[in-house]
Amino acid sequence: MVVEDDAHVRELVSIILKRDGYEVVESINGKDALIKLNGENIDMLITDLNMPEMGGLELVRKLRNRTGSELTPVIMITSENHESIRIKVEKAGINKWILKPCIRKDLKKAIRKLMSVN
């Protein structure tokens, strides 16, 4: 699942995933993502940090509290790069943090690494 309020970034991440054979569900924010999940589990979550209605940290916290989703790999894509955000990201259980603008190679490497673990 790709959760990103910026349509351009969401589309780029989805294209990368689809080209590697992944099925992608897109959402515009955390609230929309939870509705689309409707109790279903996903193989991976790639989410932005700051989004309207529900941001990435709150989405990840809610995902981690769902039975069967405690270990779902999560990649956070954000333009924020300061220590207070890093601490929050780590506490939320996010597996990988990639700074925007992300390089396709970095995203693909993170996805392969996290998906090979699961």
PDB file of N, CA and C in Angstrom:
ATOM      1  N   MET A   1       0.843  -1.175   0.000  1.00  0.00           N
ATOM      2  CA  MET A   1       0.000   0.000   0.000  1.00  0.00           C
ATOM      3  C   MET A   1       0.890   1.241   0.000  1.00  0.00           C
ATOM      4  N   VAL A   2       0.544   2.200  -0.845  1.00  0.00           N
ATOM      5  CA  VAL A   2       1.248   3.476  -0.924  1.00  0.00           C
ATOM      6  C   VAL A   2       0.299   4.563  -0.427  1.00  0.00           C
ATOM      7  N   VAL A   3       0.709   5.265   0.626  1.00  0.00           N
ATOM      8  CA  VAL A   3      -0.121   6.310   1.221  1.00  0.00           C
ATOM      9  C   VAL A   3       0.644   7.627   1.125  1.00  0.00           C
ATOM     10  N   GLU A   4       0.148   8.500   0.288  1.00  0.00           N
ATOM     11  CA  GLU A   4       0.837   9.765  -0.008  1.00  0.00           C
ATOM     12  C   GLU A   4      -0.179  10.774  -0.506  1.00  0.00           C
ATOM     13  N   ASP A   5      -0.185  11.979   0.067  1.00  0.00           N
ATOM     14  CA  ASP A   5      -1.141  12.992  -0.363  1.00  0.00           C
ATOM     15  C   ASP A   5      -0.716  13.702  -1.641  1.00  0.00           C
ATOM     16  N   ASP A   6       0.556  13.676  -1.979  1.00  0.00           N
ATOM     17  CA  ASP A   6       1.037  14.282  -3.223  1.00  0.00           C
ATOM     18  C   ASP A   6       0.840  13.276  -4.359  1.00  0.00           C
ATOM     19  N   ALA A   7      -0.065  13.576  -5.262  1.00  0.00           N
ATOM     20  CA  ALA A   7      -0.420  12.640  -6.338  1.00  0.00           C
ATOM     21  C   ALA A   7       0.778  12.247  -7.182  1.00  0.00           C
ATOM     22  N   HIS A   8       1.664  13.188  -7.434  1.00  0.00           N
ATOM     23  CA  HIS A   8       2.842  12.905  -8.268  1.00  0.00           C
ATOM     24  C   HIS A   8       3.763  11.885  -7.586  1.00  0.00           C
ATOM     25  N   VAL A   9       4.058  12.103  -6.324  1.00  0.00           N
ATOM     26  CA  VAL A   9       4.921  11.178  -5.579  1.00  0.00           C
ATOM     27  C   VAL A   9       4.248   9.815  -5.462  1.00  0.00           C
ATOM     28  N   ARG A  10       2.954   9.811  -5.145  1.00  0.00           N
ATOM     29  CA  ARG A  10       2.201   8.558  -5.023  1.00  0.00           C
ATOM     30  C   ARG A  10       2.272   7.760  -6.316  1.00  0.00           C
ATOM     31  N   GLU A  11       2.106   8.440  -7.447  1.00  0.00           N
ATOM     32  CA  GLU A  11       2.161   7.777  -8.743  1.00  0.00           C
ATOM     33  C   GLU A  11       3.552   7.222  -9.038  1.00  0.00           C
ATOM     34  N   LEU A  12       4.586   7.998  -8.742  1.00  0.00           N
ATOM     35  CA  LEU A  12       5.951   7.534  -8.990  1.00  0.00           C
ATOM     36  C   LEU A  12       6.282   6.288  -8.170  1.00  0.00           C
ATOM     37  N   VAL A  13       5.932   6.295  -6.893  1.00  0.00           N
ATOM     38  CA  VAL A  13       6.195   5.133  -6.035  1.00  0.00           C
ATOM     39  C   VAL A  13       5.401   3.929  -6.535  1.00  0.00           C
ATOM     40  N   SER A  14       4.161   4.143  -6.911  1.00  0.00           N
ATOM     41  CA  SER A  14       3.324   3.044  -7.423  1.00  0.00           C
ATOM     42  C   SER A  14       3.901   2.457  -8.705  1.00  0.00           C
ATOM     43  N   ILE A  15       4.392   3.303  -9.586  1.00  0.00           N
ATOM     44  CA  ILE A  15       4.996   2.823 -10.841  1.00  0.00           C
ATOM     45  C   ILE A  15       6.215   1.952 -10.538  1.00  0.00           C
ATOM     46  N   ILE A  16       7.058   2.390  -9.621  1.00  0.00           N
ATOM     47  CA  ILE A  16       8.237   1.601  -9.241  1.00  0.00           C
ATOM     48  C   ILE A  16       7.812   0.218  -8.755  1.00  0.00           C
ATOM     49  N   LEU A  17       6.818   0.185  -7.900  1.00  0.00           N
ATOM     50  CA  LEU A  17       6.344  -1.085  -7.356  1.00  0.00           C
ATOM     51  C   LEU A  17       5.722  -1.974  -8.427  1.00  0.00           C
ATOM     52  N   LYS A  18       4.877  -1.399  -9.251  1.00  0.00           N
ATOM     53  CA  LYS A  18       4.199  -2.180 -10.291  1.00  0.00           C
ATOM     54  C   LYS A  18       5.189  -2.754 -11.293  1.00  0.00           C
ATOM     55  N   ARG A  19       6.222  -1.984 -11.629  1.00  0.00           N
ATOM     56  CA  ARG A  19       7.243  -2.485 -12.567  1.00  0.00           C
ATOM     57  C   ARG A  19       7.994  -3.683 -11.996  1.00  0.00           C
ATOM     58  N   ASP A  20       8.045  -3.776 -10.686  1.00  0.00           N
ATOM     59  CA  ASP A  20       8.695  -4.925 -10.044  1.00  0.00           C
ATOM     60  C   ASP A  20       7.707  -6.041  -9.724  1.00  0.00           C
ATOM     61  N   GLY A  21       6.479  -5.905 -10.212  1.00  0.00           N
ATOM     62  CA  GLY A  21       5.497  -6.974 -10.088  1.00  0.00           C
ATOM     63  C   GLY A  21       4.616  -6.939  -8.861  1.00  0.00           C
ATOM     64  N   TYR A  22       4.672  -5.864  -8.096  1.00  0.00           N
ATOM     65  CA  TYR A  22       3.825  -5.768  -6.905  1.00  0.00           C
ATOM     66  C   TYR A  22       2.440  -5.225  -7.255  1.00  0.00           C
ATOM     67  N   GLU A  23       1.452  -5.722  -6.565  1.00  0.00           N
ATOM     68  CA  GLU A  23       0.103  -5.162  -6.646  1.00  0.00           C
ATOM     69  C   GLU A  23       0.062  -3.983  -5.686  1.00  0.00           C
ATOM     70  N   VAL A  24      -0.501  -2.858  -6.130  1.00  0.00           N
ATOM     71  CA  VAL A  24      -0.452  -1.638  -5.332  1.00  0.00           C
ATOM     72  C   VAL A  24      -1.859  -1.114  -5.063  1.00  0.00           C
ATOM     73  N   VAL A  25      -2.095  -0.773  -3.807  1.00  0.00           N
ATOM     74  CA  VAL A  25      -3.294  -0.055  -3.406  1.00  0.00           C
ATOM     75  C   VAL A  25      -2.814   1.332  -3.004  1.00  0.00           C
ATOM     76  N   GLU A  26      -3.445   2.361  -3.546  1.00  0.00           N
ATOM     77  CA  GLU A  26      -3.046   3.740  -3.255  1.00  0.00           C
ATOM     78  C   GLU A  26      -4.061   4.416  -2.347  1.00  0.00           C
ATOM     79  N   SER A  27      -3.550   5.261  -1.460  1.00  0.00           N
ATOM     80  CA  SER A  27      -4.409   6.047  -0.576  1.00  0.00           C
ATOM     81  C   SER A  27      -3.860   7.456  -0.463  1.00  0.00           C
ATOM     82  N   ILE A  28      -4.753   8.407  -0.212  1.00  0.00           N
ATOM     83  CA  ILE A  28      -4.355   9.815  -0.158  1.00  0.00           C
ATOM     84  C   ILE A  28      -3.957  10.286   1.234  1.00  0.00           C
ATOM     85  N   ASN A  29      -4.288   9.501   2.272  1.00  0.00           N
ATOM     86  CA  ASN A  29      -3.898   9.827   3.643  1.00  0.00           C
ATOM     87  C   ASN A  29      -4.172   8.602   4.527  1.00  0.00           C
ATOM     88  N   GLY A  30      -3.789   8.703   5.795  1.00  0.00           N
ATOM     89  CA  GLY A  30      -3.954   7.578   6.702  1.00  0.00           C
ATOM     90  C   GLY A  30      -5.395   7.155   6.908  1.00  0.00           C
ATOM     91  N   LYS A  31      -6.287   8.119   6.992  1.00  0.00           N
ATOM     92  CA  LYS A  31      -7.705   7.801   7.182  1.00  0.00           C
ATOM     93  C   LYS A  31      -8.234   7.000   6.000  1.00  0.00           C
ATOM     94  N   ASP A  32      -7.917   7.435   4.795  1.00  0.00           N
ATOM     95  CA  ASP A  32      -8.325   6.724   3.576  1.00  0.00           C
ATOM     96  C   ASP A  32      -7.715   5.327   3.538  1.00  0.00           C
ATOM     97  N   ALA A  33      -6.462   5.208   3.973  1.00  0.00           N
ATOM     98  CA  ALA A  33      -5.784   3.910   3.974  1.00  0.00           C
ATOM     99  C   ALA A  33      -6.492   2.912   4.891  1.00  0.00           C
ATOM    100  N   LEU A  34      -6.859   3.350   6.081  1.00  0.00           N
ATOM    101  CA  LEU A  34      -7.545   2.449   7.015  1.00  0.00           C
ATOM    102  C   LEU A  34      -8.894   2.004   6.474  1.00  0.00           C
ATOM    103  N   ILE A  35      -9.591   2.901   5.802  1.00  0.00           N
ATOM    104  CA  ILE A  35     -10.874   2.534   5.184  1.00  0.00           C
ATOM    105  C   ILE A  35     -10.642   1.488   4.104  1.00  0.00           C
ATOM    106  N   LYS A  36      -9.637   1.706   3.262  1.00  0.00           N
ATOM    107  CA  LYS A  36      -9.354   0.755   2.176  1.00  0.00           C
ATOM    108  C   LYS A  36      -8.874  -0.589   2.704  1.00  0.00           C
ATOM    109  N   LEU A  37      -8.152  -0.585   3.808  1.00  0.00           N
ATOM    110  CA  LEU A  37      -7.692  -1.843   4.384  1.00  0.00           C
ATOM    111  C   LEU A  37      -8.861  -2.667   4.909  1.00  0.00           C
ATOM    112  N   ASN A  38      -9.822  -2.010   5.537  1.00  0.00           N
ATOM    113  CA  ASN A  38     -11.038  -2.658   6.015  1.00  0.00           C
ATOM    114  C   ASN A  38     -10.746  -3.992   6.709  1.00  0.00           C
ATOM    115  N   GLY A  39      -9.753  -3.982   7.579  1.00  0.00           N
ATOM    116  CA  GLY A  39      -9.428  -5.188   8.332  1.00  0.00           C
ATOM    117  C   GLY A  39      -8.494  -6.150   7.624  1.00  0.00           C
ATOM    118  N   GLU A  40      -8.196  -5.918   6.365  1.00  0.00           N
ATOM    119  CA  GLU A  40      -7.294  -6.797   5.612  1.00  0.00           C
ATOM    120  C   GLU A  40      -5.846  -6.465   5.946  1.00  0.00           C
ATOM    121  N   ASN A  41      -4.984  -7.454   5.825  1.00  0.00           N
ATOM    122  CA  ASN A  41      -3.552  -7.228   6.030  1.00  0.00           C
ATOM    123  C   ASN A  41      -2.887  -6.921   4.693  1.00  0.00           C
ATOM    124  N   ILE A  42      -1.764  -6.219   4.755  1.00  0.00           N
ATOM    125  CA  ILE A  42      -0.994  -5.884   3.564  1.00  0.00           C
ATOM    126  C   ILE A  42       0.424  -6.423   3.730  1.00  0.00           C
ATOM    127  N   ASP A  43       1.150  -6.539   2.621  1.00  0.00           N
ATOM    128  CA  ASP A  43       2.512  -7.051   2.670  1.00  0.00           C
ATOM    129  C   ASP A  43       3.522  -5.976   3.043  1.00  0.00           C
ATOM    130  N   MET A  44       3.206  -4.724   2.722  1.00  0.00           N
ATOM    131  CA  MET A  44       4.117  -3.619   3.011  1.00  0.00           C
ATOM    132  C   MET A  44       3.340  -2.305   2.968  1.00  0.00           C
ATOM    133  N   LEU A  45       3.803  -1.347   3.762  1.00  0.00           N
ATOM    134  CA  LEU A  45       3.234  -0.009   3.761  1.00  0.00           C
ATOM    135  C   LEU A  45       4.341   0.986   3.448  1.00  0.00           C
ATOM    136  N   ILE A  46       4.100   1.823   2.455  1.00  0.00           N
ATOM    137  CA  ILE A  46       4.996   2.936   2.140  1.00  0.00           C
ATOM    138  C   ILE A  46       4.161   4.186   2.340  1.00  0.00           C
ATOM    139  N   THR A  47       4.572   5.032   3.269  1.00  0.00           N
ATOM    140  CA  THR A  47       3.737   6.170   3.633  1.00  0.00           C
ATOM    141  C   THR A  47       4.541   7.452   3.801  1.00  0.00           C
ATOM    142  N   ASP A  48       3.870   8.544   3.535  1.00  0.00           N
ATOM    143  CA  ASP A  48       4.397   9.874   3.804  1.00  0.00           C
ATOM    144  C   ASP A  48       4.225  10.141   5.296  1.00  0.00           C
ATOM    145  N   LEU A  49       4.963  11.088   5.813  1.00  0.00           N
ATOM    146  CA  LEU A  49       4.846  11.476   7.217  1.00  0.00           C
ATOM    147  C   LEU A  49       3.690  12.440   7.426  1.00  0.00           C
ATOM    148  N   ASN A  50       3.711  13.563   6.718  1.00  0.00           N
ATOM    149  CA  ASN A  50       2.720  14.619   6.912  1.00  0.00           C
ATOM    150  C   ASN A  50       1.658  14.574   5.824  1.00  0.00           C
ATOM    151  N   MET A  51       0.420  14.317   6.255  1.00  0.00           N
ATOM    152  CA  MET A  51      -0.716  14.285   5.333  1.00  0.00           C
ATOM    153  C   MET A  51      -1.935  14.840   6.053  1.00  0.00           C
ATOM    154  N   PRO A  52      -2.901  15.371   5.306  1.00  0.00           N
ATOM    155  CA  PRO A  52      -4.124  15.870   5.948  1.00  0.00           C
ATOM    156  C   PRO A  52      -4.951  14.715   6.511  1.00  0.00           C
ATOM    157  N   GLU A  53      -5.750  15.009   7.483  1.00  0.00           N
ATOM    158  CA  GLU A  53      -6.687  14.112   8.157  1.00  0.00           C
ATOM    159  C   GLU A  53      -6.016  13.070   9.042  1.00  0.00           C
ATOM    160  N   MET A  54      -5.020  12.339   8.526  1.00  0.00           N
ATOM    161  CA  MET A  54      -4.254  11.416   9.350  1.00  0.00           C
ATOM    162  C   MET A  54      -2.887  11.216   8.713  1.00  0.00           C
ATOM    163  N   GLY A  55      -1.858  11.558   9.456  1.00  0.00           N
ATOM    164  CA  GLY A  55      -0.501  11.434   8.950  1.00  0.00           C
ATOM    165  C   GLY A  55       0.046  10.024   9.073  1.00  0.00           C
ATOM    166  N   GLY A  56       1.267   9.861   8.604  1.00  0.00           N
ATOM    167  CA  GLY A  56       1.900   8.556   8.564  1.00  0.00           C
ATOM    168  C   GLY A  56       2.182   7.942   9.925  1.00  0.00           C
ATOM    169  N   LEU A  57       2.595   8.743  10.903  1.00  0.00           N
ATOM    170  CA  LEU A  57       2.879   8.188  12.228  1.00  0.00           C
ATOM    171  C   LEU A  57       1.633   7.602  12.874  1.00  0.00           C
ATOM    172  N   GLU A  58       0.536   8.330  12.808  1.00  0.00           N
ATOM    173  CA  GLU A  58      -0.711   7.825  13.387  1.00  0.00           C
ATOM    174  C   GLU A  58      -1.175   6.574  12.645  1.00  0.00           C
ATOM    175  N   LEU A  59      -1.047   6.577  11.327  1.00  0.00           N
ATOM    176  CA  LEU A  59      -1.408   5.397  10.538  1.00  0.00           C
ATOM    177  C   LEU A  59      -0.578   4.191  10.962  1.00  0.00           C
ATOM    178  N   VAL A  60       0.721   4.372  11.113  1.00  0.00           N
ATOM    179  CA  VAL A  60       1.587   3.251  11.499  1.00  0.00           C
ATOM    180  C   VAL A  60       1.231   2.760  12.901  1.00  0.00           C
ATOM    181  N   ARG A  61       0.967   3.653  13.813  1.00  0.00           N
ATOM    182  CA  ARG A  61       0.570   3.240  15.169  1.00  0.00           C
ATOM    183  C   ARG A  61      -0.704   2.401  15.134  1.00  0.00           C
ATOM    184  N   LYS A  62      -1.668   2.833  14.343  1.00  0.00           N
ATOM    185  CA  LYS A  62      -2.914   2.072  14.232  1.00  0.00           C
ATOM    186  C   LYS A  62      -2.673   0.717  13.553  1.00  0.00           C
ATOM    187  N   LEU A  63      -1.824   0.702  12.541  1.00  0.00           N
ATOM    188  CA  LEU A  63      -1.493  -0.548  11.859  1.00  0.00           C
ATOM    189  C   LEU A  63      -0.809  -1.512  12.829  1.00  0.00           C
ATOM    190  N   ARG A  64       0.132  -1.029  13.597  1.00  0.00           N
ATOM    191  CA  ARG A  64       0.870  -1.869  14.541  1.00  0.00           C
ATOM    192  C   ARG A  64      -0.029  -2.449  15.630  1.00  0.00           C
ATOM    193  N   ASN A  65      -1.141  -1.794  15.916  1.00  0.00           N
ATOM    194  CA  ASN A  65      -2.068  -2.285  16.937  1.00  0.00           C
ATOM    195  C   ASN A  65      -3.065  -3.307  16.411  1.00  0.00           C
ATOM    196  N   ARG A  66      -3.049  -3.548  15.104  1.00  0.00           N
ATOM    197  CA  ARG A  66      -3.974  -4.516  14.506  1.00  0.00           C
ATOM    198  C   ARG A  66      -3.360  -5.910  14.540  1.00  0.00           C
ATOM    199  N   THR A  67      -4.139  -6.884  14.927  1.00  0.00           N
ATOM    200  CA  THR A  67      -3.676  -8.266  14.930  1.00  0.00           C
ATOM    201  C   THR A  67      -3.276  -8.675  13.525  1.00  0.00           C
ATOM    202  N   GLY A  68      -2.083  -9.233  13.399  1.00  0.00           N
ATOM    203  CA  GLY A  68      -1.580  -9.680  12.115  1.00  0.00           C
ATOM    204  C   GLY A  68      -0.786  -8.633  11.359  1.00  0.00           C
ATOM    205  N   SER A  69      -0.778  -7.404  11.859  1.00  0.00           N
ATOM    206  CA  SER A  69      -0.057  -6.326  11.172  1.00  0.00           C
ATOM    207  C   SER A  69       1.113  -5.784  11.994  1.00  0.00           C
ATOM    208  N   GLU A  70       1.399  -6.442  13.103  1.00  0.00           N
ATOM    209  CA  GLU A  70       2.439  -5.950  14.004  1.00  0.00           C
ATOM    210  C   GLU A  70       3.812  -5.904  13.345  1.00  0.00           C
ATOM    211  N   LEU A  71       4.072  -6.814  12.408  1.00  0.00           N
ATOM    212  CA  LEU A  71       5.379  -6.912  11.779  1.00  0.00           C
ATOM    213  C   LEU A  71       5.380  -6.481  10.314  1.00  0.00           C
ATOM    214  N   THR A  72       4.289  -5.894   9.847  1.00  0.00           N
ATOM    215  CA  THR A  72       4.226  -5.425   8.462  1.00  0.00           C
ATOM    216  C   THR A  72       5.359  -4.437   8.207  1.00  0.00           C
ATOM    217  N   PRO A  73       6.179  -4.685   7.171  1.00  0.00           N
ATOM    218  CA  PRO A  73       7.262  -3.740   6.875  1.00  0.00           C
ATOM    219  C   PRO A  73       6.715  -2.364   6.499  1.00  0.00           C
ATOM    220  N   VAL A  74       7.339  -1.318   7.048  1.00  0.00           N
ATOM    221  CA  VAL A  74       6.894   0.050   6.797  1.00  0.00           C
ATOM    222  C   VAL A  74       8.084   0.902   6.364  1.00  0.00           C
ATOM    223  N   ILE A  75       7.899   1.594   5.243  1.00  0.00           N
ATOM    224  CA  ILE A  75       8.868   2.577   4.770  1.00  0.00           C
ATOM    225  C   ILE A  75       8.213   3.949   4.867  1.00  0.00           C
ATOM    226  N   MET A  76       8.891   4.873   5.533  1.00  0.00           N
ATOM    227  CA  MET A  76       8.410   6.246   5.653  1.00  0.00           C
ATOM    228  C   MET A  76       9.192   7.102   4.660  1.00  0.00           C
ATOM    229  N   ILE A  77       8.464   7.832   3.825  1.00  0.00           N
ATOM    230  CA  ILE A  77       9.089   8.764   2.897  1.00  0.00           C
ATOM    231  C   ILE A  77       8.718  10.170   3.361  1.00  0.00           C
ATOM    232  N   THR A  78       9.732  10.986   3.632  1.00  0.00           N
ATOM    233  CA  THR A  78       9.471  12.312   4.171  1.00  0.00           C
ATOM    234  C   THR A  78      10.571  13.292   3.771  1.00  0.00           C
ATOM    235  N   SER A  79      10.240  14.546   3.801  1.00  0.00           N
ATOM    236  CA  SER A  79      11.247  15.581   3.552  1.00  0.00           C
ATOM    237  C   SER A  79      11.819  16.107   4.866  1.00  0.00           C
ATOM    238  N   GLU A  80      11.272  15.654   5.983  1.00  0.00           N
ATOM    239  CA  GLU A  80      11.730  16.120   7.295  1.00  0.00           C
ATOM    240  C   GLU A  80      12.925  15.301   7.762  1.00  0.00           C
ATOM    241  N   ASN A  81      13.964  16.005   8.191  1.00  0.00           N
ATOM    242  CA  ASN A  81      15.187  15.323   8.574  1.00  0.00           C
ATOM    243  C   ASN A  81      15.776  15.944   9.830  1.00  0.00           C
ATOM    244  N   HIS A  82      15.024  15.888  10.922  1.00  0.00           N
ATOM    245  CA  HIS A  82      15.584  16.378  12.175  1.00  0.00           C
ATOM    246  C   HIS A  82      15.389  15.336  13.266  1.00  0.00           C
ATOM    247  N   GLU A  83      16.166  15.448  14.297  1.00  0.00           N
ATOM    248  CA  GLU A  83      16.259  14.410  15.331  1.00  0.00           C
ATOM    249  C   GLU A  83      14.915  14.081  15.979  1.00  0.00           C
ATOM    250  N   SER A  84      14.077  15.075  16.246  1.00  0.00           N
ATOM    251  CA  SER A  84      12.792  14.785  16.904  1.00  0.00           C
ATOM    252  C   SER A  84      11.910  13.900  16.037  1.00  0.00           C
ATOM    253  N   ILE A  85      11.966  14.079  14.724  1.00  0.00           N
ATOM    254  CA  ILE A  85      11.199  13.222  13.815  1.00  0.00           C
ATOM    255  C   ILE A  85      11.799  11.826  13.790  1.00  0.00           C
ATOM    256  N   ARG A  86      13.108  11.733  13.747  1.00  0.00           N
ATOM    257  CA  ARG A  86      13.770  10.414  13.750  1.00  0.00           C
ATOM    258  C   ARG A  86      13.352   9.597  14.966  1.00  0.00           C
ATOM    259  N   ILE A  87      13.302  10.226  16.119  1.00  0.00           N
ATOM    260  CA  ILE A  87      12.918   9.530  17.346  1.00  0.00           C
ATOM    261  C   ILE A  87      11.475   9.039  17.252  1.00  0.00           C
ATOM    262  N   LYS A  88      10.574   9.889  16.781  1.00  0.00           N
ATOM    263  CA  LYS A  88       9.172   9.489  16.628  1.00  0.00           C
ATOM    264  C   LYS A  88       9.028   8.342  15.642  1.00  0.00           C
ATOM    265  N   VAL A  89       9.768   8.394  14.544  1.00  0.00           N
ATOM    266  CA  VAL A  89       9.714   7.342  13.522  1.00  0.00           C
ATOM    267  C   VAL A  89      10.175   6.012  14.109  1.00  0.00           C
ATOM    268  N   GLU A  90      11.267   6.031  14.839  1.00  0.00           N
ATOM    269  CA  GLU A  90      11.777   4.806  15.451  1.00  0.00           C
ATOM    270  C   GLU A  90      10.799   4.237  16.471  1.00  0.00           C
ATOM    271  N   LYS A  91      10.227   5.090  17.307  1.00  0.00           N
ATOM    272  CA  LYS A  91       9.276   4.634  18.322  1.00  0.00           C
ATOM    273  C   LYS A  91       8.016   4.047  17.702  1.00  0.00           C
ATOM    274  N   ALA A  92       7.627   4.534  16.535  1.00  0.00           N
ATOM    275  CA  ALA A  92       6.414   4.039  15.871  1.00  0.00           C
ATOM    276  C   ALA A  92       6.634   2.672  15.227  1.00  0.00           C
ATOM    277  N   GLY A  93       7.880   2.226  15.135  1.00  0.00           N
ATOM    278  CA  GLY A  93       8.149   0.917  14.556  1.00  0.00           C
ATOM    279  C   GLY A  93       8.306   0.928  13.049  1.00  0.00           C
ATOM    280  N   ILE A  94       8.762   2.046  12.512  1.00  0.00           N
ATOM    281  CA  ILE A  94       8.971   2.147  11.069  1.00  0.00           C
ATOM    282  C   ILE A  94      10.323   1.522  10.737  1.00  0.00           C
ATOM    283  N   ASN A  95      10.337   0.653   9.721  1.00  0.00           N
ATOM    284  CA  ASN A  95      11.538  -0.109   9.395  1.00  0.00           C
ATOM    285  C   ASN A  95      12.589   0.685   8.636  1.00  0.00           C
ATOM    286  N   LYS A  96      12.155   1.595   7.773  1.00  0.00           N
ATOM    287  CA  LYS A  96      13.098   2.338   6.931  1.00  0.00           C
ATOM    288  C   LYS A  96      12.558   3.739   6.694  1.00  0.00           C
ATOM    289  N   TRP A  97      13.459   4.696   6.703  1.00  0.00           N
ATOM    290  CA  TRP A  97      13.123   6.099   6.490  1.00  0.00           C
ATOM    291  C   TRP A  97      13.908   6.559   5.274  1.00  0.00           C
ATOM    292  N   ILE A  98      13.206   7.092   4.272  1.00  0.00           N
ATOM    293  CA  ILE A  98      13.840   7.594   3.058  1.00  0.00           C
ATOM    294  C   ILE A  98      13.455   9.054   2.889  1.00  0.00           C
ATOM    295  N   LEU A  99      14.455   9.890   2.655  1.00  0.00           N
ATOM    296  CA  LEU A  99      14.205  11.320   2.494  1.00  0.00           C
ATOM    297  C   LEU A  99      13.764  11.645   1.073  1.00  0.00           C
ATOM    298  N   LYS A 100      12.810  12.590   0.976  1.00  0.00           N
ATOM    299  CA  LYS A 100      12.391  13.115  -0.325  1.00  0.00           C
ATOM    300  C   LYS A 100      13.389  14.165  -0.751  1.00  0.00           C
ATOM    301  N   PRO A 101      13.646  14.379  -1.983  1.00  0.00           N
ATOM    302  CA  PRO A 101      13.132  13.525  -3.051  1.00  0.00           C
ATOM    303  C   PRO A 101      13.887  12.204  -3.051  1.00  0.00           C
ATOM    304  N   CYS A 102      13.151  11.119  -2.986  1.00  0.00           N
ATOM    305  CA  CYS A 102      13.803   9.819  -2.910  1.00  0.00           C
ATOM    306  C   CYS A 102      14.308   9.392  -4.289  1.00  0.00           C
ATOM    307  N   ILE A 103      15.396   8.696  -4.254  1.00  0.00           N
ATOM    308  CA  ILE A 103      15.983   8.177  -5.475  1.00  0.00           C
ATOM    309  C   ILE A 103      15.425   6.776  -5.693  1.00  0.00           C
ATOM    310  N   ARG A 104      15.020   6.513  -6.904  1.00  0.00           N
ATOM    311  CA  ARG A 104      14.403   5.226  -7.248  1.00  0.00           C
ATOM    312  C   ARG A 104      15.229   4.051  -6.729  1.00  0.00           C
ATOM    313  N   LYS A 105      16.535   4.136  -6.895  1.00  0.00           N
ATOM    314  CA  LYS A 105      17.438   3.072  -6.469  1.00  0.00           C
ATOM    315  C   LYS A 105      17.325   2.826  -4.959  1.00  0.00           C
ATOM    316  N   ASP A 106      17.262   3.889  -4.160  1.00  0.00           N
ATOM    317  CA  ASP A 106      17.158   3.754  -2.704  1.00  0.00           C
ATOM    318  C   ASP A 106      15.846   3.101  -2.295  1.00  0.00           C
ATOM    319  N   LEU A 107      14.769   3.504  -2.942  1.00  0.00           N
ATOM    320  CA  LEU A 107      13.468   2.930  -2.636  1.00  0.00           C
ATOM    321  C   LEU A 107      13.433   1.449  -2.999  1.00  0.00           C
ATOM    322  N   LYS A 108      13.915   1.109  -4.183  1.00  0.00           N
ATOM    323  CA  LYS A 108      13.924  -0.294  -4.610  1.00  0.00           C
ATOM    324  C   LYS A 108      14.786  -1.149  -3.682  1.00  0.00           C
ATOM    325  N   LYS A 109      15.917  -0.626  -3.258  1.00  0.00           N
ATOM    326  CA  LYS A 109      16.806  -1.360  -2.358  1.00  0.00           C
ATOM    327  C   LYS A 109      16.104  -1.625  -1.019  1.00  0.00           C
ATOM    328  N   ALA A 110      15.437  -0.613  -0.481  1.00  0.00           N
ATOM    329  CA  ALA A 110      14.722  -0.760   0.788  1.00  0.00           C
ATOM    330  C   ALA A 110      13.590  -1.778   0.659  1.00  0.00           C
ATOM    331  N   ILE A 111      12.848  -1.724  -0.421  1.00  0.00           N
ATOM    332  CA  ILE A 111      11.744  -2.659  -0.635  1.00  0.00           C
ATOM    333  C   ILE A 111      12.271  -4.085  -0.722  1.00  0.00           C
ATOM    334  N   ARG A 112      13.297  -4.295  -1.522  1.00  0.00           N
ATOM    335  CA  ARG A 112      13.854  -5.651  -1.657  1.00  0.00           C
ATOM    336  C   ARG A 112      14.345  -6.183  -0.311  1.00  0.00           C
ATOM    337  N   LYS A 113      15.025  -5.347   0.429  1.00  0.00           N
ATOM    338  CA  LYS A 113      15.558  -5.774   1.720  1.00  0.00           C
ATOM    339  C   LYS A 113      14.433  -6.164   2.684  1.00  0.00           C
ATOM    340  N   LEU A 114      13.431  -5.317   2.786  1.00  0.00           N
ATOM    341  CA  LEU A 114      12.336  -5.589   3.737  1.00  0.00           C
ATOM    342  C   LEU A 114      11.474  -6.762   3.285  1.00  0.00           C
ATOM    343  N   MET A 115      11.256  -6.903   1.996  1.00  0.00           N
ATOM    344  CA  MET A 115      10.411  -8.000   1.512  1.00  0.00           C
ATOM    345  C   MET A 115      11.146  -9.342   1.586  1.00  0.00           C
ATOM    346  N   SER A 116      12.456  -9.350   1.533  1.00  0.00           N
ATOM    347  CA  SER A 116      13.191 -10.617   1.624  1.00  0.00           C
ATOM    348  C   SER A 116      13.220 -11.130   3.058  1.00  0.00           C
ATOM    349  N   VAL A 117      13.021 -10.230   4.018  1.00  0.00           N
ATOM    350  CA  VAL A 117      12.995 -10.624   5.431  1.00  0.00           C
ATOM    351  C   VAL A 117      11.689 -11.327   5.748  1.00  0.00           C
ATOM    352  N   ASN A 118      10.594 -10.927   5.077  1.00  0.00           N
ATOM    353  CA  ASN A 118       9.270 -11.470   5.394  1.00  0.00           C
ATOM    354  C   ASN A 118       8.893 -12.606   4.482  1.00  0.00           C
TER     355      ASN A 118
END
